[in-house]
Amino acid sequence: MYERIKNLRVDFDYTQKKIADKLCVAQTTYSDYEHGKLNIPIPVLIRLALIYDTSIDYLLELTDDPQPYTRGKRYHKQKI
């Protein structure tokens, strides 16, 4: 999971600082998420899925399909 999150960040050409700012966490906290030193809270996983327009299943490596599921009204067309 941690490698996938890092690879997405790199693929999108984002720095750890930029993602940390989008998540409203310190860069060191985000780095700890990426290196598996901290468990990633569910709300953070949701925000990461929205940032990368993918599913949490993809982030957690439960699927290799990066296409997101159809989102409910709460998250429909919401970009972070």
N, C-alpha and C. Protein backbone atom coordinates (compact mmCIF):
# COMPACT_ATOMS: atom_id res chain seq x y z
N MET A 1 0.82 -1.19 0.00
CA MET A 1 0.00 0.00 0.00
C MET A 1 0.87 1.26 0.00
N TYR A 2 1.90 1.26 0.81
CA TYR A 2 2.70 2.47 0.95
C TYR A 2 3.44 2.80 -0.34
N GLU A 3 3.92 1.76 -1.01
CA GLU A 3 4.61 1.96 -2.29
C GLU A 3 3.64 2.52 -3.34
N ARG A 4 2.41 2.04 -3.33
CA ARG A 4 1.42 2.52 -4.30
C ARG A 4 1.13 4.01 -4.06
N ILE A 5 1.00 4.40 -2.82
CA ILE A 5 0.72 5.81 -2.51
C ILE A 5 1.91 6.68 -2.95
N LYS A 6 3.10 6.19 -2.71
CA LYS A 6 4.28 6.93 -3.14
C LYS A 6 4.34 7.01 -4.66
N ASN A 7 4.09 5.90 -5.34
CA ASN A 7 4.12 5.89 -6.80
C ASN A 7 3.09 6.83 -7.41
N LEU A 8 1.90 6.88 -6.84
CA LEU A 8 0.88 7.82 -7.32
C LEU A 8 1.37 9.25 -7.18
N ARG A 9 1.93 9.55 -6.03
CA ARG A 9 2.43 10.92 -5.79
C ARG A 9 3.47 11.28 -6.83
N VAL A 10 4.39 10.38 -7.07
CA VAL A 10 5.46 10.63 -8.05
C VAL A 10 4.87 10.75 -9.46
N ASP A 11 3.94 9.85 -9.80
CA ASP A 11 3.31 9.89 -11.12
C ASP A 11 2.59 11.21 -11.37
N PHE A 12 2.00 11.78 -10.33
CA PHE A 12 1.29 13.05 -10.45
C PHE A 12 2.24 14.24 -10.31
N ASP A 13 3.51 13.95 -10.09
CA ASP A 13 4.54 14.97 -9.94
C ASP A 13 4.26 15.90 -8.76
N TYR A 14 3.81 15.30 -7.65
CA TYR A 14 3.57 16.04 -6.42
C TYR A 14 4.71 15.79 -5.44
N THR A 15 4.99 16.78 -4.64
CA THR A 15 5.95 16.60 -3.55
C THR A 15 5.20 16.09 -2.32
N GLN A 16 5.94 15.55 -1.38
CA GLN A 16 5.31 15.16 -0.12
C GLN A 16 4.67 16.36 0.55
N LYS A 17 5.31 17.50 0.46
CA LYS A 17 4.79 18.72 1.08
C LYS A 17 3.44 19.11 0.47
N LYS A 18 3.33 19.02 -0.86
CA LYS A 18 2.08 19.39 -1.52
C LYS A 18 0.94 18.47 -1.07
N ILE A 19 1.18 17.17 -1.02
CA ILE A 19 0.14 16.24 -0.58
C ILE A 19 -0.17 16.45 0.89
N ALA A 20 0.86 16.66 1.69
CA ALA A 20 0.64 16.92 3.12
C ALA A 20 -0.24 18.14 3.31
N ASP A 21 0.00 19.19 2.54
CA ASP A 21 -0.82 20.40 2.62
C ASP A 21 -2.26 20.10 2.24
N LYS A 22 -2.47 19.31 1.19
CA LYS A 22 -3.83 18.95 0.77
C LYS A 22 -4.54 18.12 1.84
N LEU A 23 -3.77 17.34 2.60
CA LEU A 23 -4.33 16.51 3.66
C LEU A 23 -4.41 17.22 5.00
N CYS A 24 -3.86 18.43 5.06
CA CYS A 24 -3.82 19.21 6.31
C CYS A 24 -3.04 18.48 7.41
N VAL A 25 -1.91 17.89 7.00
CA VAL A 25 -1.01 17.26 7.96
C VAL A 25 0.40 17.79 7.70
N ALA A 26 1.28 17.56 8.64
CA ALA A 26 2.68 17.97 8.46
C ALA A 26 3.34 17.07 7.42
N GLN A 27 4.35 17.60 6.76
CA GLN A 27 5.07 16.82 5.76
C GLN A 27 5.69 15.58 6.40
N THR A 28 6.17 15.70 7.63
CA THR A 28 6.76 14.55 8.31
C THR A 28 5.72 13.46 8.58
N THR A 29 4.50 13.88 8.88
CA THR A 29 3.42 12.91 9.09
C THR A 29 3.13 12.17 7.79
N TYR A 30 3.04 12.93 6.69
CA TYR A 30 2.79 12.28 5.40
C TYR A 30 3.93 11.33 5.05
N SER A 31 5.15 11.74 5.30
CA SER A 31 6.31 10.88 5.05
C SER A 31 6.19 9.58 5.85
N ASP A 32 5.75 9.69 7.09
CA ASP A 32 5.56 8.50 7.92
C ASP A 32 4.47 7.60 7.34
N TYR A 33 3.41 8.18 6.76
CA TYR A 33 2.39 7.37 6.07
C TYR A 33 3.02 6.61 4.92
N GLU A 34 3.79 7.31 4.11
CA GLU A 34 4.40 6.72 2.92
C GLU A 34 5.40 5.62 3.24
N HIS A 35 6.05 5.74 4.37
CA HIS A 35 7.05 4.75 4.76
C HIS A 35 6.49 3.67 5.68
N GLY A 36 5.19 3.72 5.94
CA GLY A 36 4.56 2.70 6.77
C GLY A 36 4.84 2.82 8.25
N LYS A 37 5.31 3.98 8.67
CA LYS A 37 5.60 4.18 10.09
C LYS A 37 4.35 4.55 10.88
N LEU A 38 3.34 5.08 10.18
CA LEU A 38 2.05 5.43 10.79
C LEU A 38 0.94 4.80 9.97
N ASN A 39 -0.09 4.31 10.66
CA ASN A 39 -1.28 3.85 9.95
C ASN A 39 -2.00 5.06 9.38
N ILE A 40 -2.53 4.91 8.19
CA ILE A 40 -3.23 6.01 7.53
C ILE A 40 -4.69 5.98 7.96
N PRO A 41 -5.17 7.04 8.59
CA PRO A 41 -6.58 7.08 9.01
C PRO A 41 -7.53 7.03 7.81
N ILE A 42 -8.70 6.47 8.03
CA ILE A 42 -9.69 6.34 6.96
C ILE A 42 -10.01 7.68 6.30
N PRO A 43 -10.23 8.77 7.04
CA PRO A 43 -10.50 10.04 6.35
C PRO A 43 -9.36 10.47 5.42
N VAL A 44 -8.13 10.14 5.78
CA VAL A 44 -6.98 10.48 4.94
C VAL A 44 -7.01 9.60 3.69
N LEU A 45 -7.35 8.32 3.83
CA LEU A 45 -7.46 7.45 2.66
C LEU A 45 -8.52 7.97 1.70
N ILE A 46 -9.63 8.44 2.24
CA ILE A 46 -10.70 9.00 1.40
C ILE A 46 -10.17 10.19 0.63
N ARG A 47 -9.48 11.09 1.32
CA ARG A 47 -8.95 12.28 0.65
C ARG A 47 -7.91 11.91 -0.41
N LEU A 48 -7.07 10.92 -0.12
CA LEU A 48 -6.08 10.48 -1.11
C LEU A 48 -6.78 9.90 -2.35
N ALA A 49 -7.82 9.13 -2.13
CA ALA A 49 -8.57 8.57 -3.27
C ALA A 49 -9.17 9.69 -4.11
N LEU A 50 -9.66 10.74 -3.47
CA LEU A 50 -10.21 11.88 -4.20
C LEU A 50 -9.12 12.65 -4.94
N ILE A 51 -8.00 12.85 -4.29
CA ILE A 51 -6.88 13.58 -4.92
C ILE A 51 -6.43 12.86 -6.19
N TYR A 52 -6.30 11.54 -6.10
CA TYR A 52 -5.78 10.77 -7.23
C TYR A 52 -6.88 10.20 -8.12
N ASP A 53 -8.13 10.54 -7.83
CA ASP A 53 -9.28 10.07 -8.61
C ASP A 53 -9.22 8.56 -8.80
N THR A 54 -9.12 7.85 -7.68
CA THR A 54 -9.07 6.40 -7.68
C THR A 54 -9.91 5.88 -6.52
N SER A 55 -9.85 4.58 -6.29
CA SER A 55 -10.60 3.98 -5.18
C SER A 55 -9.67 3.67 -4.01
N ILE A 56 -10.26 3.56 -2.85
CA ILE A 56 -9.49 3.15 -1.68
C ILE A 56 -8.99 1.72 -1.88
N ASP A 57 -9.78 0.89 -2.55
CA ASP A 57 -9.33 -0.48 -2.84
C ASP A 57 -8.02 -0.46 -3.63
N TYR A 58 -7.90 0.47 -4.56
CA TYR A 58 -6.66 0.58 -5.32
C TYR A 58 -5.51 1.03 -4.42
N LEU A 59 -5.77 2.00 -3.57
CA LEU A 59 -4.73 2.47 -2.64
C LEU A 59 -4.26 1.35 -1.73
N LEU A 60 -5.20 0.49 -1.31
CA LEU A 60 -4.88 -0.60 -0.38
C LEU A 60 -4.40 -1.85 -1.10
N GLU A 61 -4.26 -1.76 -2.42
CA GLU A 61 -3.80 -2.88 -3.24
C GLU A 61 -4.74 -4.07 -3.20
N LEU A 62 -6.05 -3.79 -3.05
CA LEU A 62 -7.05 -4.85 -3.12
C LEU A 62 -7.49 -5.07 -4.57
N THR A 63 -7.14 -4.13 -5.44
CA THR A 63 -7.38 -4.24 -6.87
C THR A 63 -6.23 -3.57 -7.60
N ASP A 64 -6.01 -3.99 -8.83
CA ASP A 64 -5.02 -3.32 -9.66
C ASP A 64 -5.67 -2.36 -10.65
N ASP A 65 -6.98 -2.21 -10.56
CA ASP A 65 -7.73 -1.30 -11.42
C ASP A 65 -7.79 0.08 -10.76
N PRO A 66 -7.10 1.07 -11.32
CA PRO A 66 -7.09 2.40 -10.69
C PRO A 66 -8.38 3.20 -10.90
N GLN A 67 -9.30 2.71 -11.74
CA GLN A 67 -10.53 3.45 -12.00
C GLN A 67 -11.37 3.52 -10.73
N PRO A 68 -11.85 4.72 -10.39
CA PRO A 68 -12.67 4.86 -9.18
C PRO A 68 -14.06 4.28 -9.40
N TYR A 69 -14.71 3.95 -8.31
CA TYR A 69 -16.10 3.53 -8.35
C TYR A 69 -16.96 4.77 -8.53
N THR A 70 -18.21 4.57 -8.88
CA THR A 70 -19.14 5.70 -8.95
C THR A 70 -19.31 6.24 -7.54
N ARG A 71 -19.11 7.52 -7.40
CA ARG A 71 -19.18 8.15 -6.07
C ARG A 71 -20.62 8.56 -5.75
N GLY A 72 -20.93 8.54 -4.46
CA GLY A 72 -22.23 9.02 -4.00
C GLY A 72 -22.29 10.53 -4.09
N LYS A 73 -23.45 11.08 -3.79
CA LYS A 73 -23.66 12.53 -3.90
C LYS A 73 -22.66 13.32 -3.07
N ARG A 74 -22.31 12.80 -1.91
CA ARG A 74 -21.43 13.55 -1.01
C ARG A 74 -20.08 13.85 -1.66
N TYR A 75 -19.56 12.92 -2.45
CA TYR A 75 -18.24 13.08 -3.03
C TYR A 75 -18.29 13.30 -4.54
N HIS A 76 -19.47 13.36 -5.10
CA HIS A 76 -19.60 13.49 -6.55
C HIS A 76 -18.96 14.79 -7.04
N LYS A 77 -18.05 14.65 -7.98
CA LYS A 77 -17.34 15.76 -8.61
C LYS A 77 -16.54 16.61 -7.65
N GLN A 78 -16.29 16.10 -6.47
CA GLN A 78 -15.48 16.83 -5.50
C GLN A 78 -14.02 16.55 -5.78
N LYS A 79 -13.25 17.57 -6.00
CA LYS A 79 -11.82 17.44 -6.18
C LYS A 79 -11.14 18.14 -5.02
N ILE A 80 -10.11 17.54 -4.57
CA ILE A 80 -9.38 18.11 -3.45
C ILE A 80 -8.09 18.68 -3.96
